[in-house]
């Protein structure tokens, strides 16, 4: 068993010696690439800083926009509850639209749907 270990160690040693024979490390390409690597690093830092600025603006703006939306919803709900106005009657019918070429309004569509519901 020790013979086998020694043989495998000898084989590994021989293989490593062969792999390193005549090989000198080439550092010139690595040194030539350093300025390009530094420039890329700076570019990535700038991009990250710009992205961070957008995130900061969004963090400030989104809660304010949400608060404004909540205020508008509250005001519109209050106006509907206090105002108590009824929806005006449909000003035109499908025949008027087809004959006169009037534009289709929301009231016409809503009125048509309500009429269809009441006929059932």
PDB file of N, CA and C in Angstrom:
ATOM      1  N   UNK A   1       0.816  -1.186   0.000  1.00  0.00           N
ATOM      2  CA  UNK A   1       0.000   0.000   0.000  1.00  0.00           C
ATOM      3  C   UNK A   1       0.861   1.252   0.000  1.00  0.00           C
ATOM      4  N   UNK A   2       1.940   1.244   0.761  1.00  0.00           N
ATOM      5  CA  UNK A   2       2.847   2.383   0.729  1.00  0.00           C
ATOM      6  C   UNK A   2       3.534   2.505  -0.623  1.00  0.00           C
ATOM      7  N   UNK A   3       3.771   1.370  -1.272  1.00  0.00           N
ATOM      8  CA  UNK A   3       4.350   1.400  -2.621  1.00  0.00           C
ATOM      9  C   UNK A   3       3.438   2.153  -3.584  1.00  0.00           C
ATOM     10  N   UNK A   4       2.161   1.871  -3.476  1.00  0.00           N
ATOM     11  CA  UNK A   4       1.188   2.533  -4.361  1.00  0.00           C
ATOM     12  C   UNK A   4       1.140   4.030  -4.099  1.00  0.00           C
ATOM     13  N   UNK A   5       1.217   4.399  -2.828  1.00  0.00           N
ATOM     14  CA  UNK A   5       1.206   5.821  -2.482  1.00  0.00           C
ATOM     15  C   UNK A   5       2.436   6.527  -3.049  1.00  0.00           C
ATOM     16  N   UNK A   6       3.559   5.891  -2.883  1.00  0.00           N
ATOM     17  CA  UNK A   6       4.793   6.493  -3.395  1.00  0.00           C
ATOM     18  C   UNK A   6       4.756   6.611  -4.905  1.00  0.00           C
ATOM     19  N   UNK A   7       4.222   5.595  -5.563  1.00  0.00           N
ATOM     20  CA  UNK A   7       4.114   5.655  -7.031  1.00  0.00           C
ATOM     21  C   UNK A   7       3.190   6.793  -7.460  1.00  0.00           C
ATOM     22  N   UNK A   8       2.058   6.936  -6.767  1.00  0.00           N
ATOM     23  CA  UNK A   8       1.125   8.005  -7.150  1.00  0.00           C
ATOM     24  C   UNK A   8       1.732   9.372  -6.848  1.00  0.00           C
ATOM     25  N   UNK A   9       2.498   9.480  -5.761  1.00  0.00           N
ATOM     26  CA  UNK A   9       3.183  10.746  -5.460  1.00  0.00           C
ATOM     27  C   UNK A   9       4.245  11.046  -6.508  1.00  0.00           C
ATOM     28  N   UNK A  10       4.994  10.018  -6.896  1.00  0.00           N
ATOM     29  CA  UNK A  10       6.023  10.198  -7.927  1.00  0.00           C
ATOM     30  C   UNK A  10       5.388  10.622  -9.254  1.00  0.00           C
ATOM     31  N   UNK A  11       4.269   9.988  -9.583  1.00  0.00           N
ATOM     32  CA  UNK A  11       3.573  10.351 -10.821  1.00  0.00           C
ATOM     33  C   UNK A  11       3.089  11.798 -10.762  1.00  0.00           C
ATOM     34  N   UNK A  12       2.528  12.186  -9.629  1.00  0.00           N
ATOM     35  CA  UNK A  12       2.035  13.557  -9.482  1.00  0.00           C
ATOM     36  C   UNK A  12       3.193  14.549  -9.541  1.00  0.00           C
ATOM     37  N   UNK A  13       4.273  14.246  -8.860  1.00  0.00           N
ATOM     38  CA  UNK A  13       5.447  15.122  -8.863  1.00  0.00           C
ATOM     39  C   UNK A  13       5.992  15.274 -10.279  1.00  0.00           C
ATOM     40  N   UNK A  14       6.106  14.165 -10.983  1.00  0.00           N
ATOM     41  CA  UNK A  14       6.618  14.189 -12.358  1.00  0.00           C
ATOM     42  C   UNK A  14       5.691  15.007 -13.265  1.00  0.00           C
ATOM     43  N   UNK A  15       4.404  14.817 -13.100  1.00  0.00           N
ATOM     44  CA  UNK A  15       3.446  15.555 -13.927  1.00  0.00           C
ATOM     45  C   UNK A  15       3.543  17.052 -13.657  1.00  0.00           C
ATOM     46  N   UNK A  16       3.674  17.430 -12.390  1.00  0.00           N
ATOM     47  CA  UNK A  16       3.794  18.845 -12.048  1.00  0.00           C
ATOM     48  C   UNK A  16       5.105  19.432 -12.576  1.00  0.00           C
ATOM     49  N   UNK A  17       6.180  18.674 -12.504  1.00  0.00           N
ATOM     50  CA  UNK A  17       7.462  19.155 -13.015  1.00  0.00           C
ATOM     51  C   UNK A  17       7.386  19.372 -14.529  1.00  0.00           C
ATOM     52  N   UNK A  18       6.743  18.454 -15.228  1.00  0.00           N
ATOM     53  CA  UNK A  18       6.608  18.597 -16.683  1.00  0.00           C
ATOM     54  C   UNK A  18       5.744  19.810 -17.048  1.00  0.00           C
ATOM     55  N   UNK A  19       4.711  20.028 -16.227  1.00  0.00           N
ATOM     56  CA  UNK A  19       3.793  21.127 -16.526  1.00  0.00           C
ATOM     57  C   UNK A  19       4.457  22.483 -16.349  1.00  0.00           C
ATOM     58  N   UNK A  20       5.426  22.566 -15.449  1.00  0.00           N
ATOM     59  CA  UNK A  20       6.058  23.858 -15.183  1.00  0.00           C
ATOM     60  C   UNK A  20       7.378  24.064 -15.908  1.00  0.00           C
ATOM     61  N   UNK A  21       7.849  23.073 -16.617  1.00  0.00           N
ATOM     62  CA  UNK A  21       9.130  23.212 -17.316  1.00  0.00           C
ATOM     63  C   UNK A  21       9.012  24.238 -18.437  1.00  0.00           C
ATOM     64  N   UNK A  22       9.953  25.159 -18.457  1.00  0.00           N
ATOM     65  CA  UNK A  22      10.052  26.119 -19.550  1.00  0.00           C
ATOM     66  C   UNK A  22       8.954  27.166 -19.593  1.00  0.00           C
ATOM     67  N   UNK A  23       8.164  27.245 -18.564  1.00  0.00           N
ATOM     68  CA  UNK A  23       7.081  28.235 -18.558  1.00  0.00           C
ATOM     69  C   UNK A  23       7.488  29.396 -17.666  1.00  0.00           C
ATOM     70  N   UNK A  24       7.548  30.561 -18.271  1.00  0.00           N
ATOM     71  CA  UNK A  24       7.806  31.764 -17.499  1.00  0.00           C
ATOM     72  C   UNK A  24       6.517  32.578 -17.451  1.00  0.00           C
ATOM     73  N   UNK A  25       6.182  33.098 -16.295  1.00  0.00           N
ATOM     74  CA  UNK A  25       4.952  33.879 -16.208  1.00  0.00           C
ATOM     75  C   UNK A  25       5.055  35.158 -17.054  1.00  0.00           C
ATOM     76  N   UNK A  26       4.002  35.456 -17.769  1.00  0.00           N
ATOM     77  CA  UNK A  26       3.936  36.650 -18.610  1.00  0.00           C
ATOM     78  C   UNK A  26       3.095  37.701 -17.887  1.00  0.00           C
ATOM     79  N   UNK A  27       3.737  38.700 -17.309  1.00  0.00           N
ATOM     80  CA  UNK A  27       3.006  39.724 -16.565  1.00  0.00           C
ATOM     81  C   UNK A  27       2.719  40.960 -17.409  1.00  0.00           C
ATOM     82  N   UNK A  28       3.366  41.091 -18.555  1.00  0.00           N
ATOM     83  CA  UNK A  28       3.186  42.283 -19.392  1.00  0.00           C
ATOM     84  C   UNK A  28       1.731  42.461 -19.834  1.00  0.00           C
ATOM     85  N   UNK A  29       1.031  41.418 -20.320  1.00  0.00           N
ATOM     86  CA  UNK A  29      -0.370  41.623 -20.705  1.00  0.00           C
ATOM     87  C   UNK A  29      -1.251  42.046 -19.527  1.00  0.00           C
ATOM     88  N   UNK A  30      -0.958  41.489 -18.357  1.00  0.00           N
ATOM     89  CA  UNK A  30      -1.726  41.860 -17.175  1.00  0.00           C
ATOM     90  C   UNK A  30      -1.491  43.326 -16.815  1.00  0.00           C
ATOM     91  N   UNK A  31      -0.230  43.750 -16.832  1.00  0.00           N
ATOM     92  CA  UNK A  31       0.078  45.146 -16.521  1.00  0.00           C
ATOM     93  C   UNK A  31      -0.510  46.098 -17.564  1.00  0.00           C
ATOM     94  N   UNK A  32      -0.537  45.670 -18.822  1.00  0.00           N
ATOM     95  CA  UNK A  32      -1.127  46.509 -19.866  1.00  0.00           C
ATOM     96  C   UNK A  32      -2.637  46.666 -19.688  1.00  0.00           C
ATOM     97  N   UNK A  33      -3.271  45.668 -19.084  1.00  0.00           N
ATOM     98  CA  UNK A  33      -4.729  45.694 -18.921  1.00  0.00           C
ATOM     99  C   UNK A  33      -5.180  46.471 -17.688  1.00  0.00           C
ATOM    100  N   UNK A  34      -4.271  46.845 -16.792  1.00  0.00           N
ATOM    101  CA  UNK A  34      -4.645  47.526 -15.551  1.00  0.00           C
ATOM    102  C   UNK A  34      -5.363  48.850 -15.816  1.00  0.00           C
ATOM    103  N   UNK A  35      -4.888  49.745 -16.686  1.00  0.00           N
ATOM    104  CA  UNK A  35      -5.618  50.999 -16.913  1.00  0.00           C
ATOM    105  C   UNK A  35      -7.048  50.778 -17.426  1.00  0.00           C
ATOM    106  N   UNK A  36      -7.220  49.813 -18.291  1.00  0.00           N
ATOM    107  CA  UNK A  36      -8.567  49.526 -18.796  1.00  0.00           C
ATOM    108  C   UNK A  36      -9.473  49.003 -17.680  1.00  0.00           C
ATOM    109  N   UNK A  37      -8.922  48.178 -16.795  1.00  0.00           N
ATOM    110  CA  UNK A  37      -9.717  47.663 -15.674  1.00  0.00           C
ATOM    111  C   UNK A  37     -10.110  48.797 -14.728  1.00  0.00           C
ATOM    112  N   UNK A  38      -9.185  49.728 -14.468  1.00  0.00           N
ATOM    113  CA  UNK A  38      -9.497  50.867 -13.606  1.00  0.00           C
ATOM    114  C   UNK A  38     -10.565  51.761 -14.236  1.00  0.00           C
ATOM    115  N   UNK A  39     -10.477  51.996 -15.538  1.00  0.00           N
ATOM    116  CA  UNK A  39     -11.479  52.806 -16.220  1.00  0.00           C
ATOM    117  C   UNK A  39     -12.855  52.147 -16.156  1.00  0.00           C
ATOM    118  N   UNK A  40     -12.902  50.843 -16.340  1.00  0.00           N
ATOM    119  CA  UNK A  40     -14.176  50.122 -16.252  1.00  0.00           C
ATOM    120  C   UNK A  40     -14.751  50.207 -14.842  1.00  0.00           C
ATOM    121  N   UNK A  41     -13.898  50.120 -13.857  1.00  0.00           N
ATOM    122  CA  UNK A  41     -14.342  50.236 -12.470  1.00  0.00           C
ATOM    123  C   UNK A  41     -14.957  51.605 -12.201  1.00  0.00           C
ATOM    124  N   UNK A  42     -14.307  52.659 -12.682  1.00  0.00           N
ATOM    125  CA  UNK A  42     -14.850  54.015 -12.513  1.00  0.00           C
ATOM    126  C   UNK A  42     -16.181  54.172 -13.235  1.00  0.00           C
ATOM    127  N   UNK A  43     -16.286  53.614 -14.433  1.00  0.00           N
ATOM    128  CA  UNK A  43     -17.526  53.712 -15.197  1.00  0.00           C
ATOM    129  C   UNK A  43     -18.671  53.031 -14.447  1.00  0.00           C
ATOM    130  N   UNK A  44     -18.397  51.859 -13.890  1.00  0.00           N
ATOM    131  CA  UNK A  44     -19.440  51.145 -13.148  1.00  0.00           C
ATOM    132  C   UNK A  44     -19.851  51.897 -11.889  1.00  0.00           C
ATOM    133  N   UNK A  45     -18.885  52.531 -11.225  1.00  0.00           N
ATOM    134  CA  UNK A  45     -19.222  53.322 -10.030  1.00  0.00           C
ATOM    135  C   UNK A  45     -20.101  54.502 -10.392  1.00  0.00           C
ATOM    136  N   UNK A  46     -19.799  55.165 -11.518  1.00  0.00           N
ATOM    137  CA  UNK A  46     -20.634  56.295 -11.957  1.00  0.00           C
ATOM    138  C   UNK A  46     -22.049  55.847 -12.277  1.00  0.00           C
ATOM    139  N   UNK A  47     -22.181  54.715 -12.971  1.00  0.00           N
ATOM    140  CA  UNK A  47     -23.510  54.193 -13.296  1.00  0.00           C
ATOM    141  C   UNK A  47     -24.285  53.869 -12.025  1.00  0.00           C
ATOM    142  N   UNK A  48     -23.615  53.300 -11.057  1.00  0.00           N
ATOM    143  CA  UNK A  48     -24.277  52.959  -9.799  1.00  0.00           C
ATOM    144  C   UNK A  48     -24.696  54.234  -9.072  1.00  0.00           C
ATOM    145  N   UNK A  49     -23.858  55.267  -9.094  1.00  0.00           N
ATOM    146  CA  UNK A  49     -24.203  56.528  -8.437  1.00  0.00           C
ATOM    147  C   UNK A  49     -25.421  57.165  -9.103  1.00  0.00           C
ATOM    148  N   UNK A  50     -25.505  57.108 -10.452  1.00  0.00           N
ATOM    149  CA  UNK A  50     -26.661  57.652 -11.147  1.00  0.00           C
ATOM    150  C   UNK A  50     -27.917  56.873 -10.791  1.00  0.00           C
ATOM    151  N   UNK A  51     -27.803  55.568 -10.709  1.00  0.00           N
ATOM    152  CA  UNK A  51     -28.941  54.740 -10.320  1.00  0.00           C
ATOM    153  C   UNK A  51     -29.375  55.038  -8.899  1.00  0.00           C
ATOM    154  N   UNK A  52     -28.417  55.269  -8.011  1.00  0.00           N
ATOM    155  CA  UNK A  52     -28.743  55.610  -6.633  1.00  0.00           C
ATOM    156  C   UNK A  52     -29.485  56.941  -6.555  1.00  0.00           C
ATOM    157  N   UNK A  53     -29.147  57.888  -7.424  1.00  0.00           N
ATOM    158  CA  UNK A  53     -29.828  59.184  -7.434  1.00  0.00           C
ATOM    159  C   UNK A  53     -31.290  59.008  -7.830  1.00  0.00           C
ATOM    160  N   UNK A  54     -31.549  58.165  -8.815  1.00  0.00           N
ATOM    161  CA  UNK A  54     -32.933  57.904  -9.244  1.00  0.00           C
ATOM    162  C   UNK A  54     -33.711  57.248  -8.109  1.00  0.00           C
ATOM    163  N   UNK A  55     -33.083  56.324  -7.418  1.00  0.00           N
ATOM    164  CA  UNK A  55     -33.746  55.648  -6.307  1.00  0.00           C
ATOM    165  C   UNK A  55     -34.077  56.648  -5.204  1.00  0.00           C
ATOM    166  N   UNK A  56     -33.162  57.566  -4.904  1.00  0.00           N
ATOM    167  CA  UNK A  56     -33.421  58.567  -3.871  1.00  0.00           C
ATOM    168  C   UNK A  56     -34.605  59.454  -4.238  1.00  0.00           C
ATOM    169  N   UNK A  57     -34.676  59.873  -5.501  1.00  0.00           N
ATOM    170  CA  UNK A  57     -35.792  60.712  -5.942  1.00  0.00           C
ATOM    171  C   UNK A  57     -37.107  59.944  -5.837  1.00  0.00           C
ATOM    172  N   UNK A  58     -37.096  58.688  -6.246  1.00  0.00           N
ATOM    173  CA  UNK A  58     -38.317  57.869  -6.183  1.00  0.00           C
ATOM    174  C   UNK A  58     -38.750  57.633  -4.741  1.00  0.00           C
ATOM    175  N   UNK A  59     -37.800  57.426  -3.860  1.00  0.00           N
ATOM    176  CA  UNK A  59     -38.145  57.213  -2.453  1.00  0.00           C
ATOM    177  C   UNK A  59     -38.831  58.440  -1.859  1.00  0.00           C
ATOM    178  N   UNK A  60     -38.475  59.623  -2.325  1.00  0.00           N
ATOM    179  CA  UNK A  60     -39.129  60.837  -1.847  1.00  0.00           C
ATOM    180  C   UNK A  60     -40.466  61.056  -2.541  1.00  0.00           C
ATOM    181  N   UNK A  61     -40.533  60.791  -3.835  1.00  0.00           N
ATOM    182  CA  UNK A  61     -41.707  61.148  -4.619  1.00  0.00           C
ATOM    183  C   UNK A  61     -42.872  60.179  -4.432  1.00  0.00           C
ATOM    184  N   UNK A  62     -42.616  58.899  -4.348  1.00  0.00           N
ATOM    185  CA  UNK A  62     -43.704  57.913  -4.312  1.00  0.00           C
ATOM    186  C   UNK A  62     -44.605  58.093  -3.084  1.00  0.00           C
ATOM    187  N   UNK A  63     -44.086  58.259  -1.873  1.00  0.00           N
ATOM    188  CA  UNK A  63     -44.996  58.485  -0.742  1.00  0.00           C
ATOM    189  C   UNK A  63     -45.805  59.773  -0.887  1.00  0.00           C
ATOM    190  N   UNK A  64     -45.203  60.801  -1.443  1.00  0.00           N
ATOM    191  CA  UNK A  64     -45.935  62.064  -1.638  1.00  0.00           C
ATOM    192  C   UNK A  64     -47.044  61.887  -2.661  1.00  0.00           C
ATOM    193  N   UNK A  65     -46.764  61.171  -3.734  1.00  0.00           N
ATOM    194  CA  UNK A  65     -47.797  60.917  -4.738  1.00  0.00           C
ATOM    195  C   UNK A  65     -48.918  60.052  -4.159  1.00  0.00           C
ATOM    196  N   UNK A  66     -48.573  59.096  -3.334  1.00  0.00           N
ATOM    197  CA  UNK A  66     -49.590  58.255  -2.701  1.00  0.00           C
ATOM    198  C   UNK A  66     -50.468  59.076  -1.764  1.00  0.00           C
ATOM    199  N   UNK A  67     -49.865  59.979  -1.013  1.00  0.00           N
ATOM    200  CA  UNK A  67     -50.642  60.844  -0.121  1.00  0.00           C
ATOM    201  C   UNK A  67     -51.568  61.753  -0.922  1.00  0.00           C
ATOM    202  N   UNK A  68     -51.064  62.304  -2.015  1.00  0.00           N
ATOM    203  CA  UNK A  68     -51.896  63.157  -2.860  1.00  0.00           C
ATOM    204  C   UNK A  68     -53.062  62.367  -3.447  1.00  0.00           C
ATOM    205  N   UNK A  69     -52.815  61.140  -3.865  1.00  0.00           N
ATOM    206  CA  UNK A  69     -53.888  60.299  -4.408  1.00  0.00           C
ATOM    207  C   UNK A  69     -54.928  60.002  -3.334  1.00  0.00           C
ATOM    208  N   UNK A  70     -54.492  59.749  -2.109  1.00  0.00           N
ATOM    209  CA  UNK A  70     -55.434  59.482  -1.021  1.00  0.00           C
ATOM    210  C   UNK A  70     -56.292  60.708  -0.723  1.00  0.00           C
ATOM    211  N   UNK A  71     -55.687  61.885  -0.761  1.00  0.00           N
ATOM    212  CA  UNK A  71     -56.447  63.119  -0.541  1.00  0.00           C
ATOM    213  C   UNK A  71     -57.472  63.306  -1.649  1.00  0.00           C
ATOM    214  N   UNK A  72     -57.087  63.063  -2.896  1.00  0.00           N
ATOM    215  CA  UNK A  72     -58.031  63.205  -4.006  1.00  0.00           C
ATOM    216  C   UNK A  72     -59.184  62.215  -3.904  1.00  0.00           C
ATOM    217  N   UNK A  73     -58.903  61.001  -3.492  1.00  0.00           N
ATOM    218  CA  UNK A  73     -59.967  60.006  -3.314  1.00  0.00           C
ATOM    219  C   UNK A  73     -60.920  60.446  -2.209  1.00  0.00           C
ATOM    220  N   UNK A  74     -60.363  60.939  -1.101  1.00  0.00           N
ATOM    221  CA  UNK A  74     -61.204  61.401   0.004  1.00  0.00           C
ATOM    222  C   UNK A  74     -62.072  62.579  -0.427  1.00  0.00           C
ATOM    223  N   UNK A  75     -61.480  63.533  -1.162  1.00  0.00           N
ATOM    224  CA  UNK A  75     -62.252  64.689  -1.630  1.00  0.00           C
ATOM    225  C   UNK A  75     -63.349  64.276  -2.605  1.00  0.00           C
ATOM    226  N   UNK A  76     -63.027  63.397  -3.529  1.00  0.00           N
ATOM    227  CA  UNK A  76     -64.043  62.985  -4.504  1.00  0.00           C
ATOM    228  C   UNK A  76     -65.157  62.201  -3.823  1.00  0.00           C
ATOM    229  N   UNK A  77     -64.829  61.391  -2.831  1.00  0.00           N
ATOM    230  CA  UNK A  77     -65.857  60.660  -2.089  1.00  0.00           C
ATOM    231  C   UNK A  77     -66.747  61.622  -1.323  1.00  0.00           C
ATOM    232  N   UNK A  78     -66.132  62.621  -0.704  1.00  0.00           N
ATOM    233  CA  UNK A  78     -66.915  63.614   0.034  1.00  0.00           C
ATOM    234  C   UNK A  78     -67.816  64.390  -0.908  1.00  0.00           C
ATOM    235  N   UNK A  79     -67.325  64.760  -2.070  1.00  0.00           N
ATOM    236  CA  UNK A  79     -68.154  65.500  -3.026  1.00  0.00           C
ATOM    237  C   UNK A  79     -69.338  64.662  -3.507  1.00  0.00           C
ATOM    238  N   UNK A  80     -69.113  63.394  -3.717  1.00  0.00           N
ATOM    239  CA  UNK A  80     -70.207  62.525  -4.167  1.00  0.00           C
ATOM    240  C   UNK A  80     -71.246  62.373  -3.064  1.00  0.00           C
ATOM    241  N   UNK A  81     -70.802  62.182  -1.828  1.00  0.00           N
ATOM    242  CA  UNK A  81     -71.734  61.984  -0.726  1.00  0.00           C
ATOM    243  C   UNK A  81     -72.488  63.268  -0.368  1.00  0.00           C
ATOM    244  N   UNK A  82     -71.805  64.378  -0.370  1.00  0.00           N
ATOM    245  CA  UNK A  82     -72.427  65.648   0.014  1.00  0.00           C
ATOM    246  C   UNK A  82     -73.224  66.246  -1.141  1.00  0.00           C
ATOM    247  N   UNK A  83     -72.673  66.154  -2.337  1.00  0.00           N
ATOM    248  CA  UNK A  83     -73.316  66.788  -3.489  1.00  0.00           C
ATOM    249  C   UNK A  83     -74.673  66.196  -3.799  1.00  0.00           C
ATOM    250  N   UNK A  84     -74.807  64.893  -3.830  1.00  0.00           N
ATOM    251  CA  UNK A  84     -76.063  64.225  -4.075  1.00  0.00           C
ATOM    252  C   UNK A  84     -76.663  64.508  -5.432  1.00  0.00           C
ATOM    253  N   UNK A  85     -75.869  64.870  -6.390  1.00  0.00           N
ATOM    254  CA  UNK A  85     -76.395  65.135  -7.735  1.00  0.00           C
ATOM    255  C   UNK A  85     -76.765  63.835  -8.409  1.00  0.00           C
ATOM    256  N   UNK A  86     -77.785  63.904  -9.235  1.00  0.00           N
ATOM    257  CA  UNK A  86     -78.149  62.728 -10.014  1.00  0.00           C
ATOM    258  C   UNK A  86     -77.484  62.806 -11.377  1.00  0.00           C
ATOM    259  N   UNK A  87     -77.317  61.682 -11.990  1.00  0.00           N
ATOM    260  CA  UNK A  87     -76.699  61.630 -13.309  1.00  0.00           C
ATOM    261  C   UNK A  87     -77.706  62.155 -14.317  1.00  0.00           C
ATOM    262  N   UNK A  88     -77.249  63.038 -15.204  1.00  0.00           N
ATOM    263  CA  UNK A  88     -78.150  63.600 -16.203  1.00  0.00           C
ATOM    264  C   UNK A  88     -78.598  62.525 -17.183  1.00  0.00           C
ATOM    265  N   UNK A  89     -79.731  62.756 -17.767  1.00  0.00           N
ATOM    266  CA  UNK A  89     -80.281  61.784 -18.708  1.00  0.00           C
ATOM    267  C   UNK A  89     -79.405  61.706 -19.946  1.00  0.00           C
ATOM    268  N   UNK A  90     -79.514  60.606 -20.646  1.00  0.00           N
ATOM    269  CA  UNK A  90     -78.734  60.411 -21.850  1.00  0.00           C
ATOM    270  C   UNK A  90     -79.184  61.421 -22.880  1.00  0.00           C
ATOM    271  N   UNK A  91     -78.210  62.168 -23.431  1.00  0.00           N
ATOM    272  CA  UNK A  91     -78.563  63.254 -24.341  1.00  0.00           C
ATOM    273  C   UNK A  91     -78.795  62.780 -25.767  1.00  0.00           C
ATOM    274  N   UNK A  92     -78.361  61.607 -26.101  1.00  0.00           N
ATOM    275  CA  UNK A  92     -78.569  61.115 -27.460  1.00  0.00           C
ATOM    276  C   UNK A  92     -78.782  59.614 -27.420  1.00  0.00           C
ATOM    277  N   UNK A  93     -79.243  59.090 -28.503  1.00  0.00           N
ATOM    278  CA  UNK A  93     -79.477  57.655 -28.590  1.00  0.00           C
ATOM    279  C   UNK A  93     -78.592  57.094 -29.691  1.00  0.00           C
ATOM    280  N   UNK A  94     -78.639  55.791 -29.830  1.00  0.00           N
ATOM    281  CA  UNK A  94     -77.835  55.157 -30.880  1.00  0.00           C
ATOM    282  C   UNK A  94     -78.266  55.640 -32.262  1.00  0.00           C
ATOM    283  N   UNK A  95     -79.570  55.867 -32.432  1.00  0.00           N
ATOM    284  CA  UNK A  95     -80.053  56.362 -33.733  1.00  0.00           C
ATOM    285  C   UNK A  95     -79.466  57.725 -34.044  1.00  0.00           C
ATOM    286  N   UNK A  96     -79.402  58.613 -33.033  1.00  0.00           N
ATOM    287  CA  UNK A  96     -78.816  59.942 -33.246  1.00  0.00           C
ATOM    288  C   UNK A  96     -77.348  59.835 -33.649  1.00  0.00           C
ATOM    289  N   UNK A  97     -76.665  58.902 -33.038  1.00  0.00           N
ATOM    290  CA  UNK A  97     -75.244  58.736 -33.344  1.00  0.00           C
ATOM    291  C   UNK A  97     -75.072  58.241 -34.771  1.00  0.00           C
ATOM    292  N   UNK A  98     -75.879  57.268 -35.163  1.00  0.00           N
ATOM    293  CA  UNK A  98     -75.757  56.708 -36.507  1.00  0.00           C
ATOM    294  C   UNK A  98     -76.172  57.699 -37.583  1.00  0.00           C
ATOM    295  N   UNK A  99     -77.259  58.452 -37.353  1.00  0.00           N
ATOM    296  CA  UNK A  99     -77.772  59.370 -38.371  1.00  0.00           C
ATOM    297  C   UNK A  99     -76.963  60.658 -38.412  1.00  0.00           C
ATOM    298  N   UNK A 100     -76.761  61.281 -37.268  1.00  0.00           N
ATOM    299  CA  UNK A 100     -76.122  62.597 -37.239  1.00  0.00           C
ATOM    300  C   UNK A 100     -74.607  62.508 -37.158  1.00  0.00           C
ATOM    301  N   UNK A 101     -74.090  61.356 -36.777  1.00  0.00           N
ATOM    302  CA  UNK A 101     -72.640  61.200 -36.698  1.00  0.00           C
ATOM    303  C   UNK A 101     -72.040  61.813 -35.461  1.00  0.00           C
ATOM    304  N   UNK A 102     -72.855  61.997 -34.410  1.00  0.00           N
ATOM    305  CA  UNK A 102     -72.314  62.526 -33.158  1.00  0.00           C
ATOM    306  C   UNK A 102     -71.306  61.535 -32.577  1.00  0.00           C
ATOM    307  N   UNK A 103     -70.394  62.045 -31.805  1.00  0.00           N
ATOM    308  CA  UNK A 103     -69.425  61.141 -31.178  1.00  0.00           C
ATOM    309  C   UNK A 103     -70.100  60.385 -30.045  1.00  0.00           C
ATOM    310  N   UNK A 104     -69.665  59.197 -29.827  1.00  0.00           N
ATOM    311  CA  UNK A 104     -70.231  58.370 -28.770  1.00  0.00           C
ATOM    312  C   UNK A 104     -69.711  58.875 -27.434  1.00  0.00           C
ATOM    313  N   UNK A 105     -70.627  59.197 -26.552  1.00  0.00           N
ATOM    314  CA  UNK A 105     -70.213  59.712 -25.246  1.00  0.00           C
ATOM    315  C   UNK A 105     -70.320  58.612 -24.196  1.00  0.00           C
ATOM    316  N   UNK A 106     -69.721  58.861 -23.047  1.00  0.00           N
ATOM    317  CA  UNK A 106     -69.802  57.908 -21.945  1.00  0.00           C
ATOM    318  C   UNK A 106     -71.232  57.764 -21.460  1.00  0.00           C
ATOM    319  N   UNK A 107     -71.971  58.879 -21.482  1.00  0.00           N
ATOM    320  CA  UNK A 107     -73.360  58.829 -21.033  1.00  0.00           C
ATOM    321  C   UNK A 107     -74.198  57.914 -21.921  1.00  0.00           C
ATOM    322  N   UNK A 108     -73.950  57.962 -23.207  1.00  0.00           N
ATOM    323  CA  UNK A 108     -74.700  57.119 -24.137  1.00  0.00           C
ATOM    324  C   UNK A 108     -74.421  55.646 -23.872  1.00  0.00           C
ATOM    325  N   UNK A 109     -73.156  55.328 -23.695  1.00  0.00           N
ATOM    326  CA  UNK A 109     -72.800  53.936 -23.418  1.00  0.00           C
ATOM    327  C   UNK A 109     -73.387  53.468 -22.095  1.00  0.00           C
ATOM    328  N   UNK A 110     -73.278  54.308 -21.057  1.00  0.00           N
ATOM    329  CA  UNK A 110     -73.803  53.948 -19.752  1.00  0.00           C
ATOM    330  C   UNK A 110     -75.323  53.805 -19.812  1.00  0.00           C
ATOM    331  N   UNK A 111     -75.981  54.740 -20.494  1.00  0.00           N
ATOM    332  CA  UNK A 111     -77.429  54.682 -20.619  1.00  0.00           C
ATOM    333  C   UNK A 111     -77.879  53.440 -21.363  1.00  0.00           C
ATOM    334  N   UNK A 112     -77.161  53.061 -22.393  1.00  0.00           N
ATOM    335  CA  UNK A 112     -77.514  51.864 -23.158  1.00  0.00           C
ATOM    336  C   UNK A 112     -77.379  50.614 -22.308  1.00  0.00           C
ATOM    337  N   UNK A 113     -76.345  50.569 -21.512  1.00  0.00           N
ATOM    338  CA  UNK A 113     -76.154  49.402 -20.655  1.00  0.00           C
ATOM    339  C   UNK A 113     -77.231  49.339 -19.581  1.00  0.00           C
ATOM    340  N   UNK A 114     -77.595  50.487 -19.017  1.00  0.00           N
ATOM    341  CA  UNK A 114     -78.644  50.510 -18.002  1.00  0.00           C
ATOM    342  C   UNK A 114     -79.981  50.135 -18.588  1.00  0.00           C
ATOM    343  N   UNK A 115     -80.273  50.611 -19.829  1.00  0.00           N
ATOM    344  CA  UNK A 115     -81.514  50.253 -20.486  1.00  0.00           C
ATOM    345  C   UNK A 115     -81.588  48.750 -20.739  1.00  0.00           C
ATOM    346  N   UNK A 116     -80.496  48.179 -21.153  1.00  0.00           N
ATOM    347  CA  UNK A 116     -80.463  46.738 -21.411  1.00  0.00           C
ATOM    348  C   UNK A 116     -80.679  45.966 -20.121  1.00  0.00           C
ATOM    349  N   UNK A 117     -80.145  46.453 -19.013  1.00  0.00           N
ATOM    350  CA  UNK A 117     -80.335  45.802 -17.721  1.00  0.00           C
ATOM    351  C   UNK A 117     -81.785  45.897 -17.271  1.00  0.00           C
ATOM    352  N   UNK A 118     -82.423  47.048 -17.489  1.00  0.00           N
ATOM    353  CA  UNK A 118     -83.790  47.228 -17.032  1.00  0.00           C
ATOM    354  C   UNK A 118     -84.780  46.416 -17.869  1.00  0.00           C
ATOM    355  N   UNK A 119     -84.446  46.119 -19.117  1.00  0.00           N
ATOM    356  CA  UNK A 119     -85.327  45.339 -19.975  1.00  0.00           C
ATOM    357  C   UNK A 119     -85.364  43.882 -19.564  1.00  0.00           C
ATOM    358  N   UNK A 120     -84.382  43.394 -18.884  1.00  0.00           N
ATOM    359  CA  UNK A 120     -84.328  41.981 -18.498  1.00  0.00           C
ATOM    360  C   UNK A 120     -85.300  41.686 -17.446  1.00  0.00           C
TER     361      UNK A 120
END
